[in-house]
C-alpha atoms as a PDB file:
ATOM      1  CA  MET A   1      65.920  71.373 169.757  1.00  0.00           C
ATOM      2  CA  ASN A   2      64.508  74.501 171.411  1.00  0.00           C
ATOM      3  CA  ILE A   3      66.134  77.662 170.192  1.00  0.00           C
ATOM      4  CA  PRO A   4      65.455  80.779 172.307  1.00  0.00           C
ATOM      5  CA  ALA A   5      63.612  83.425 170.337  1.00  0.00           C
ATOM      6  CA  ARG A   6      65.102  86.881 169.780  1.00  0.00           C
ATOM      7  CA  GLY A   7      64.636  88.933 172.895  1.00  0.00           C
ATOM      8  CA  ALA A   8      64.310  85.902 175.154  1.00  0.00           C
ATOM      9  CA  GLU A   9      66.703  85.154 177.979  1.00  0.00           C
ATOM     10  CA  GLY A  10      69.996  83.656 176.920  1.00  0.00           C
ATOM     11  CA  PRO A  11      72.004  83.893 173.722  1.00  0.00           C
ATOM     12  CA  THR A  12      70.283  83.844 170.379  1.00  0.00           C
ATOM     13  CA  PHE A  13      71.614  81.437 167.735  1.00  0.00           C
ATOM     14  CA  ASN A  14      70.615  80.895 164.171  1.00  0.00           C
ATOM     15  CA  ILE A  15      71.807  77.324 163.691  1.00  0.00           C
ATOM     16  CA  PRO A  16      71.391  77.101 159.896  1.00  0.00           C
ATOM     17  CA  LEU A  17      73.182  80.431 159.458  1.00  0.00           C
ATOM     18  CA  LEU A  18      75.932  79.382 161.844  1.00  0.00           C
ATOM     19  CA  LEU A  19      76.449  76.108 159.970  1.00  0.00           C
ATOM     20  CA  TRP A  20      76.513  77.935 156.629  1.00  0.00           C
ATOM     21  CA  ARG A  21      79.115  80.334 157.925  1.00  0.00           C
ATOM     22  CA  LEU A  22      81.197  77.386 159.044  1.00  0.00           C
ATOM     23  CA  VAL A  23      80.888  75.858 155.592  1.00  0.00           C
ATOM     24  CA  LEU A  24      81.864  79.134 153.960  1.00  0.00           C
ATOM     25  CA  THR A  25      84.807  79.439 156.307  1.00  0.00           C
ATOM     26  CA  ASP A  26      85.966  75.922 155.490  1.00  0.00           C
ATOM     27  CA  ARG A  27      85.550  76.531 151.772  1.00  0.00           C
ATOM     28  CA  SER A  28      87.405  79.798 152.019  1.00  0.00           C
ATOM     29  CA  ARG A  29      90.243  78.063 153.793  1.00  0.00           C
ATOM     30  CA  TRP A  30      90.189  75.302 151.183  1.00  0.00           C
ATOM     31  CA  GLY A  31      90.202  77.880 148.414  1.00  0.00           C
ATOM     32  CA  LEU A  32      93.119  79.645 150.064  1.00  0.00           C
ATOM     33  CA  MET A  33      94.987  76.360 150.349  1.00  0.00           C
ATOM     34  CA  CYS A  34      94.308  75.585 146.676  1.00  0.00           C
ATOM     35  CA  ALA A  35      95.455  79.053 145.653  1.00  0.00           C
ATOM     36  CA  THR A  36      98.643  78.609 147.690  1.00  0.00           C
ATOM     37  CA  VAL A  37      99.368  75.228 146.108  1.00  0.00           C
ATOM     38  CA  LYS A  38      98.532  76.562 142.655  1.00  0.00           C
ATOM     39  CA  SER A  39     100.987  79.434 143.063  1.00  0.00           C
ATOM     40  CA  LYS A  40     103.738  76.843 143.478  1.00  0.00           C
ATOM     41  CA  GLN A  41     102.607  74.908 140.451  1.00  0.00           C
ATOM     42  CA  PHE A  42     103.617  75.938 136.936  1.00  0.00           C
ATOM     43  CA  ASP A  43     104.327  74.270 133.655  1.00  0.00           C
ATOM     44  CA  LYS A  44     107.882  73.066 134.147  1.00  0.00           C
ATOM     45  CA  HIS A  45     108.527  72.640 130.417  1.00  0.00           C
ATOM     46  CA  VAL A  46     107.344  76.160 129.606  1.00  0.00           C
ATOM     47  CA  ALA A  47     109.377  77.575 132.479  1.00  0.00           C
ATOM     48  CA  LEU A  48     112.432  75.614 131.395  1.00  0.00           C
ATOM     49  CA  ASP A  49     112.093  76.896 127.834  1.00  0.00           C
ATOM     50  CA  GLU A  50     111.870  80.463 129.152  1.00  0.00           C
ATOM     51  CA  ALA A  51     114.972  79.918 131.279  1.00  0.00           C
ATOM     52  CA  MET A  52     116.778  78.396 128.305  1.00  0.00           C
ATOM     53  CA  ASP A  53     115.996  81.437 126.139  1.00  0.00           C
ATOM     54  CA  LEU A  54     117.143  83.816 128.875  1.00  0.00           C
ATOM     55  CA  PHE A  55     120.436  82.012 129.468  1.00  0.00           C
ATOM     56  CA  TRP A  56     120.884  81.830 125.700  1.00  0.00           C
ATOM     57  CA  GLU A  57     120.340  85.568 125.313  1.00  0.00           C
ATOM     58  CA  ARG A  58     122.435  86.770 128.245  1.00  0.00           C
ATOM     59  CA  GLY A  59     124.742  83.937 129.190  1.00  0.00           C
ATOM     60  CA  TYR A  60     125.051  82.273 132.564  1.00  0.00           C
ATOM     61  CA  HIS A  61     126.963  84.926 134.472  1.00  0.00           C
ATOM     62  CA  ALA A  62     124.875  87.875 133.244  1.00  0.00           C
ATOM     63  CA  THR A  63     121.601  86.187 134.254  1.00  0.00           C
ATOM     64  CA  SER A  64     120.574  86.756 137.862  1.00  0.00           C
ATOM     65  CA  ILE A  65     118.081  84.859 139.985  1.00  0.00           C
ATOM     66  CA  GLN A  66     115.819  87.924 139.858  1.00  0.00           C
ATOM     67  CA  ASP A  67     116.032  87.910 136.052  1.00  0.00           C
ATOM     68  CA  LEU A  68     114.857  84.306 136.102  1.00  0.00           C
ATOM     69  CA  VAL A  69     112.063  85.026 138.579  1.00  0.00           C
ATOM     70  CA  ASP A  70     110.829  87.888 136.399  1.00  0.00           C
ATOM     71  CA  ARG A  71     111.065  85.949 133.150  1.00  0.00           C
ATOM     72  CA  LEU A  72     109.522  82.727 134.445  1.00  0.00           C
ATOM     73  CA  GLY A  73     106.809  84.494 136.431  1.00  0.00           C
ATOM     74  CA  VAL A  74     107.403  82.435 139.577  1.00  0.00           C
ATOM     75  CA  ASN A  75     108.592  83.304 143.056  1.00  0.00           C
ATOM     76  CA  ARG A  76     112.095  82.534 144.254  1.00  0.00           C
ATOM     77  CA  GLN A  77     111.008  79.717 146.542  1.00  0.00           C
ATOM     78  CA  SER A  78     109.181  77.917 143.727  1.00  0.00           C
ATOM     79  CA  LEU A  79     112.258  78.234 141.547  1.00  0.00           C
ATOM     80  CA  TYR A  80     114.519  76.802 144.256  1.00  0.00           C
ATOM     81  CA  ASP A  81     112.035  74.075 145.170  1.00  0.00           C
ATOM     82  CA  THR A  82     111.719  72.952 141.554  1.00  0.00           C
ATOM     83  CA  TYR A  83     115.241  73.366 140.189  1.00  0.00           C
ATOM     84  CA  GLY A  84     117.490  73.763 143.216  1.00  0.00           C
ATOM     85  CA  GLY A  85     119.017  77.072 142.152  1.00  0.00           C
ATOM     86  CA  LYS A  86     120.533  78.930 139.243  1.00  0.00           C
ATOM     87  CA  GLU A  87     123.280  76.426 138.410  1.00  0.00           C
ATOM     88  CA  GLN A  88     120.932  73.444 138.407  1.00  0.00           C
ATOM     89  CA  LEU A  89     118.419  75.370 136.307  1.00  0.00           C
ATOM     90  CA  PHE A  90     121.142  76.224 133.797  1.00  0.00           C
ATOM     91  CA  LEU A  91     122.122  72.572 133.498  1.00  0.00           C
ATOM     92  CA  SER A  92     118.488  71.596 132.961  1.00  0.00           C
ATOM     93  CA  ALA A  93     118.111  74.331 130.339  1.00  0.00           C
ATOM     94  CA  LEU A  94     121.225  73.124 128.523  1.00  0.00           C
ATOM     95  CA  GLU A  95     119.908  69.565 128.517  1.00  0.00           C
ATOM     96  CA  ARG A  96     116.572  70.859 127.258  1.00  0.00           C
ATOM     97  CA  TYR A  97     118.323  72.633 124.382  1.00  0.00           C
ATOM     98  CA  ARG A  98     120.131  69.424 123.474  1.00  0.00           C
ATOM     99  CA  GLU A  99     116.864  67.490 123.434  1.00  0.00           C
ATOM    100  CA  LEU A 100     115.086  70.118 121.321  1.00  0.00           C
ATOM    101  CA  GLN A 101     117.875  70.218 118.739  1.00  0.00           C
ATOM    102  CA  ASP A 102     118.158  66.464 118.289  1.00  0.00           C
ATOM    103  CA  ALA A 103     114.895  65.712 116.440  1.00  0.00           C
ATOM    104  CA  PRO A 104     115.173  68.573 113.880  1.00  0.00           C
ATOM    105  CA  LEU A 105     118.791  67.628 113.208  1.00  0.00           C
ATOM    106  CA  ARG A 106     117.920  64.016 112.528  1.00  0.00           C
ATOM    107  CA  ARG A 107     114.976  64.987 110.310  1.00  0.00           C
ATOM    108  CA  THR A 108     117.200  67.287 108.280  1.00  0.00           C
ATOM    109  CA  LEU A 109     119.929  64.697 107.842  1.00  0.00           C
ATOM    110  CA  ALA A 110     117.340  62.066 106.898  1.00  0.00           C
ATOM    111  CA  ARG A 111     116.232  63.996 103.803  1.00  0.00           C
ATOM    112  CA  GLU A 112     116.316  62.131 100.531  1.00  0.00           C
ATOM    113  CA  GLY A 113     118.927  62.904  97.911  1.00  0.00           C
ATOM    114  CA  PRO A 114     122.711  62.861  97.596  1.00  0.00           C
ATOM    115  CA  VAL A 115     124.434  63.199 100.945  1.00  0.00           C
ATOM    116  CA  GLY A 116     126.583  66.063  99.686  1.00  0.00           C
ATOM    117  CA  VAL A 117     123.432  68.041  98.842  1.00  0.00           C
ATOM    118  CA  VAL A 118     121.819  67.202 102.187  1.00  0.00           C
ATOM    119  CA  LEU A 119     124.907  68.339 104.063  1.00  0.00           C
ATOM    120  CA  ARG A 120     125.253  71.535 102.073  1.00  0.00           C
ATOM    121  CA  GLU A 121     121.592  72.418 102.688  1.00  0.00           C
ATOM    122  CA  PHE A 122     121.992  71.678 106.399  1.00  0.00           C
ATOM    123  CA  LEU A 123     125.070  73.881 106.692  1.00  0.00           C
ATOM    124  CA  GLN A 124     123.447  76.673 104.673  1.00  0.00           C
ATOM    125  CA  GLU A 125     120.456  76.618 107.007  1.00  0.00           C
ATOM    126  CA  MET A 126     122.847  76.821 109.924  1.00  0.00           C
ATOM    127  CA  ILE A 127     124.552  79.853 108.396  1.00  0.00           C
ATOM    128  CA  LYS A 128     121.175  81.519 107.942  1.00  0.00           C
ATOM    129  CA  ASN A 129     120.259  80.895 111.581  1.00  0.00           C
ATOM    130  CA  LEU A 130     123.621  82.209 112.754  1.00  0.00           C
ATOM    131  CA  THR A 131     123.547  85.434 110.743  1.00  0.00           C
ATOM    132  CA  GLU A 132     119.881  86.454 110.740  1.00  0.00           C
ATOM    133  CA  GLY A 133     117.451  87.504 113.443  1.00  0.00           C
ATOM    134  CA  ASP A 134     118.749  88.029 116.969  1.00  0.00           C
ATOM    135  CA  CYS A 135     122.111  86.404 116.146  1.00  0.00           C
ATOM    136  CA  LYS A 136     122.373  84.681 119.528  1.00  0.00           C
ATOM    137  CA  GLY A 137     124.528  81.985 118.022  1.00  0.00           C
ATOM    138  CA  CYS A 138     124.291  78.374 119.135  1.00  0.00           C
ATOM    139  CA  PHE A 139     123.537  78.003 122.835  1.00  0.00           C
ATOM    140  CA  MET A 140     125.589  74.819 123.036  1.00  0.00           C
ATOM    141  CA  THR A 141     128.577  76.297 121.219  1.00  0.00           C
ATOM    142  CA  ASN A 142     128.401  79.444 123.354  1.00  0.00           C
ATOM    143  CA  THR A 143     128.412  77.293 126.465  1.00  0.00           C
ATOM    144  CA  THR A 144     131.147  74.964 125.248  1.00  0.00           C
ATOM    145  CA  THR A 145     133.534  77.806 124.504  1.00  0.00           C
ATOM    146  CA  GLY A 146     132.631  79.859 127.563  1.00  0.00           C
ATOM    147  CA  LEU A 147     131.939  77.426 130.397  1.00  0.00           C
ATOM    148  CA  ALA A 148     132.750  73.783 129.592  1.00  0.00           C
ATOM    149  CA  GLY A 149     136.350  74.209 130.710  1.00  0.00           C
ATOM    150  CA  GLN A 150     135.281  75.636 134.060  1.00  0.00           C
ATOM    151  CA  ASP A 151     132.569  73.258 135.238  1.00  0.00           C
ATOM    152  CA  GLU A 152     132.561  69.455 135.086  1.00  0.00           C
ATOM    153  CA  SER A 153     128.754  69.139 134.921  1.00  0.00           C
ATOM    154  CA  ILE A 154     128.594  71.533 131.983  1.00  0.00           C
ATOM    155  CA  PHE A 155     131.494  69.739 130.324  1.00  0.00           C
ATOM    156  CA  LYS A 156     129.618  66.425 130.514  1.00  0.00           C
ATOM    157  CA  ILE A 157     126.532  67.858 128.802  1.00  0.00           C
ATOM    158  CA  CYS A 158     128.627  69.481 126.078  1.00  0.00           C
ATOM    159  CA  ALA A 159     130.555  66.243 125.565  1.00  0.00           C
ATOM    160  CA  ALA A 160     127.301  64.284 125.321  1.00  0.00           C
ATOM    161  CA  ASN A 161     126.065  66.745 122.721  1.00  0.00           C
ATOM    162  CA  HIS A 162     129.314  66.298 120.802  1.00  0.00           C
ATOM    163  CA  ARG A 163     128.858  62.524 120.756  1.00  0.00           C
ATOM    164  CA  GLN A 164     125.228  62.950 119.700  1.00  0.00           C
ATOM    165  CA  LEU A 165     126.296  65.014 116.700  1.00  0.00           C
ATOM    166  CA  GLU A 166     129.047  62.544 115.842  1.00  0.00           C
ATOM    167  CA  ALA A 167     126.514  59.715 115.799  1.00  0.00           C
ATOM    168  CA  ALA A 168     124.103  61.667 113.585  1.00  0.00           C
ATOM    169  CA  PHE A 169     126.807  62.582 111.062  1.00  0.00           C
ATOM    170  CA  SER A 170     128.261  59.066 111.137  1.00  0.00           C
ATOM    171  CA  GLY A 171     124.883  57.692 110.124  1.00  0.00           C
ATOM    172  CA  LEU A 172     124.640  60.132 107.238  1.00  0.00           C
ATOM    173  CA  LEU A 173     128.171  59.379 106.057  1.00  0.00           C
ATOM    174  CA  LEU A 174     127.474  55.660 106.241  1.00  0.00           C
ATOM    175  CA  ARG A 175     124.581  56.267 103.881  1.00  0.00           C
ATOM    176  CA  ALA A 176     126.933  58.103 101.539  1.00  0.00           C
ATOM    177  CA  GLN A 177     129.364  55.226 101.686  1.00  0.00           C
ATOM    178  CA  GLN A 178     126.659  52.675 100.971  1.00  0.00           C
ATOM    179  CA  ASN A 179     125.481  54.787  98.011  1.00  0.00           C
ATOM    180  CA  GLY A 180     128.989  54.963  96.605  1.00  0.00           C
ATOM    181  CA  GLU A 181     129.310  58.728  97.218  1.00  0.00           C
ATOM    182  CA  ILE A 182     132.470  58.275  99.275  1.00  0.00           C
ATOM    183  CA  ALA A 183     135.136  55.578  99.160  1.00  0.00           C
ATOM    184  CA  PRO A 184     134.590  52.480 101.328  1.00  0.00           C
ATOM    185  CA  ASP A 185     137.924  52.930 103.095  1.00  0.00           C
ATOM    186  CA  ARG A 186     137.209  56.452 104.372  1.00  0.00           C
ATOM    187  CA  PRO A 187     137.110  56.688 108.232  1.00  0.00           C
ATOM    188  CA  LEU A 188     133.496  57.631 108.931  1.00  0.00           C
ATOM    189  CA  LEU A 189     133.911  58.542 112.597  1.00  0.00           C
ATOM    190  CA  THR A 190     136.865  60.800 111.855  1.00  0.00           C
ATOM    191  CA  MET A 191     134.892  62.484 109.090  1.00  0.00           C
ATOM    192  CA  ALA A 192     131.911  62.908 111.413  1.00  0.00           C
ATOM    193  CA  ARG A 193     134.162  64.550 113.994  1.00  0.00           C
ATOM    194  CA  PHE A 194     135.486  66.859 111.309  1.00  0.00           C
ATOM    195  CA  LEU A 195     131.903  67.920 110.548  1.00  0.00           C
ATOM    196  CA  VAL A 196     131.192  68.552 114.238  1.00  0.00           C
ATOM    197  CA  ASN A 197     134.331  70.662 114.396  1.00  0.00           C
ATOM    198  CA  THR A 198     133.163  72.534 111.297  1.00  0.00           C
ATOM    199  CA  ILE A 199     129.762  73.460 112.709  1.00  0.00           C
ATOM    200  CA  ASN A 200     131.326  74.493 116.025  1.00  0.00           C
ATOM    201  CA  GLY A 201     133.774  76.626 114.103  1.00  0.00           C
ATOM    202  CA  LEU A 202     130.963  78.241 112.144  1.00  0.00           C
ATOM    203  CA  GLY A 203     129.224  79.117 115.404  1.00  0.00           C
ATOM    204  CA  VAL A 204     132.344  80.790 116.762  1.00  0.00           C
ATOM    205  CA  THR A 205     133.241  82.558 113.510  1.00  0.00           C
ATOM    206  CA  ALA A 206     129.697  83.927 113.226  1.00  0.00           C
ATOM    207  CA  LYS A 207     130.361  85.807 116.486  1.00  0.00           C
ATOM    208  CA  ALA A 208     133.044  87.818 114.690  1.00  0.00           C
ATOM    209  CA  THR A 209     131.392  88.339 111.305  1.00  0.00           C
ATOM    210  CA  ARG A 210     127.917  88.617 109.822  1.00  0.00           C
ATOM    211  CA  ASP A 211     129.293  88.053 106.338  1.00  0.00           C
ATOM    212  CA  LYS A 212     127.536  84.966 104.981  1.00  0.00           C
ATOM    213  CA  LYS A 213     130.075  84.670 102.194  1.00  0.00           C
ATOM    214  CA  VAL A 214     132.869  84.006 104.696  1.00  0.00           C
ATOM    215  CA  LEU A 215     130.884  81.219 106.327  1.00  0.00           C
ATOM    216  CA  GLU A 216     129.821  79.760 102.978  1.00  0.00           C
ATOM    217  CA  GLU A 217     133.452  79.610 101.874  1.00  0.00           C
ATOM    218  CA  ILE A 218     134.274  77.628 105.015  1.00  0.00           C
ATOM    219  CA  VAL A 219     131.464  75.216 104.197  1.00  0.00           C
ATOM    220  CA  GLY A 220     132.756  74.833 100.644  1.00  0.00           C
ATOM    221  CA  VAL A 221     136.243  73.932 101.869  1.00  0.00           C
ATOM    222  CA  ALA A 222     134.833  71.472 104.411  1.00  0.00           C
ATOM    223  CA  LEU A 223     132.699  69.647 101.875  1.00  0.00           C
ATOM    224  CA  GLY A 224     135.616  69.625  99.442  1.00  0.00           C
ATOM    225  CA  ALA A 225     137.821  68.003 102.105  1.00  0.00           C
ATOM    226  CA  LEU A 226     135.159  65.326 102.538  1.00  0.00           C
ATOM    227  CA  ALA A 227     134.915  64.917  98.749  1.00  0.00           C
ATOM    228  CA  LEU A 228     131.169  65.515  98.886  1.00  0.00           C
END
């Protein structure tokens, strides 16, 4: 190919330079596209945990979309594209809380030793969590008392959590029955529901008092009623 020299008639082209500029332009566009895609990508689990903490701290109604955008570090469109909006994000956060609480609960209830001791230790740990630190209470209990009666989707998650707790306590009480700690004719499911009611009650009562002694007395009466 004959390329006119500088100063000769006709336009002057530097083909290698022109090709390089084209490559740079394409790469720049590719980089811009990657940056755009990356801005829409974020760790969904981390973002969901952040949203869960924010809803837990402030409650559903006091948390705005802008609060979520600021806390999660994403733009509004990414939030809507990923979760569909504030209500859907709240439901996902509530489900996330339920999932995160399940494994620690089961590990605690699976501890060796008399069931009465295991239960007392579990309830004492709960009292500590309810009365120390930021005192946010239990996210699930807060939601159950504040929103479950107003929204069917929230009700279903709270009800599923209730059944999950019933199953966990039923398993523990079955162990107590098999070990001879409670009579064989005691209704395990009813007792498990009583325990669920007790921990929900502790969560609500802790909103009105920071006195551990009050909560510990409630626990003592509950365990006495179960004969554990």
